[in-house]
Amino acid sequence: MAIKCPKCRVTVNVVPGGWTFEPPIGCVDLAGTSWGEKTELNWCPTLAAAMPKDTIWPGRTQRALIEEEIAMVRASK
């Protein structure tokens, strides 16, 4: 299964045992956050919304923290 991010050029591919991100760049939703500085896709709100509802997204345990930081960054702009 491959899912394209509606906001950037990243495509998530489900592979045995996990995920791959092509190209392996950071999430545009996480730009300006400490998560974005890591250029990780721990929990991308846009990609998560595009995923089928039964999909277990990597980093979902950190979802609330990530969303809170995104909100703070956006509020300070």
Protein backbone atom coordinates (compact mmCIF):
# COMPACT_ATOMS: atom_id res chain seq x y z
CA MET A 1 0.00 0.00 0.00
CA ALA A 2 1.31 3.46 -0.89
CA ILE A 3 -0.21 6.69 0.39
CA LYS A 4 0.76 10.10 -1.01
CA CYS A 5 0.79 13.11 1.30
CA PRO A 6 -1.67 15.74 0.08
CA LYS A 7 0.65 18.57 1.21
CA CYS A 8 4.09 17.50 0.03
CA ARG A 9 5.90 15.01 -2.17
CA VAL A 10 6.27 12.25 0.44
CA THR A 11 4.77 8.85 -0.25
CA VAL A 12 4.41 6.34 2.58
CA ASN A 13 4.86 2.71 1.63
CA VAL A 14 3.77 -0.09 3.93
CA VAL A 15 6.42 -2.79 3.89
CA PRO A 16 6.79 -5.96 5.96
CA GLY A 17 7.66 -4.87 9.47
CA GLY A 18 7.13 -1.13 9.03
CA TRP A 19 7.12 1.85 6.73
CA THR A 20 9.28 3.62 4.19
CA PHE A 21 9.04 7.29 3.28
CA GLU A 22 10.00 8.40 -0.22
CA PRO A 23 11.71 10.78 -0.38
CA PRO A 24 12.87 10.58 3.25
CA ILE A 25 12.32 14.26 4.05
CA GLY A 26 10.72 15.93 7.03
CA CYS A 27 7.03 16.70 7.31
CA VAL A 28 5.80 20.12 6.22
CA ASP A 29 3.28 20.10 9.10
CA LEU A 30 6.16 19.70 11.55
CA ALA A 31 8.22 22.59 10.15
CA GLY A 32 9.35 24.89 12.95
CA THR A 33 8.85 22.28 15.66
CA SER A 34 11.44 20.19 17.45
CA TRP A 35 9.97 17.20 15.60
CA GLY A 36 10.56 18.90 12.25
CA GLU A 37 14.16 19.67 13.16
CA LYS A 38 14.75 15.94 13.40
CA THR A 39 13.44 15.58 9.81
CA GLU A 40 11.37 12.69 11.04
CA LEU A 41 7.87 11.64 10.20
CA ASN A 42 7.07 10.45 13.72
CA TRP A 43 3.46 11.48 13.40
CA CYS A 44 2.46 13.64 10.50
CA PRO A 45 -1.10 14.94 10.94
CA THR A 46 -1.69 15.20 7.20
CA LEU A 47 -0.43 11.73 6.38
CA ALA A 48 -2.23 10.27 9.38
CA ALA A 49 -5.50 11.77 8.12
CA ALA A 50 -4.87 10.23 4.69
CA MET A 51 -4.26 6.77 6.17
CA PRO A 52 -7.03 4.18 6.43
CA LYS A 53 -8.65 4.40 9.87
CA ASP A 54 -7.35 0.99 10.99
CA THR A 55 -3.71 1.86 10.21
CA ILE A 56 -1.31 2.01 13.13
CA TRP A 57 0.79 5.11 12.47
CA PRO A 58 4.37 5.25 13.80
CA GLY A 59 4.72 7.71 16.65
CA ARG A 60 1.01 7.87 17.40
CA THR A 61 1.74 7.66 21.12
CA GLN A 62 3.31 11.11 20.76
CA ARG A 63 0.40 12.54 18.77
CA ALA A 64 -0.91 14.87 21.49
CA LEU A 65 2.55 16.32 22.18
CA ILE A 66 3.22 16.84 18.49
CA GLU A 67 -0.16 18.50 17.85
CA GLU A 68 0.36 20.78 20.85
CA GLU A 69 3.75 21.91 19.57
CA ILE A 70 2.36 22.47 16.05
CA ALA A 71 -0.39 24.67 17.54
CA MET A 72 2.15 26.70 19.55
CA VAL A 73 4.37 27.26 16.50
CA ARG A 74 1.42 28.35 14.36
CA ALA A 75 0.12 30.66 17.08
CA SER A 76 3.49 32.41 17.34
CA LYS A 77 3.60 33.25 13.61
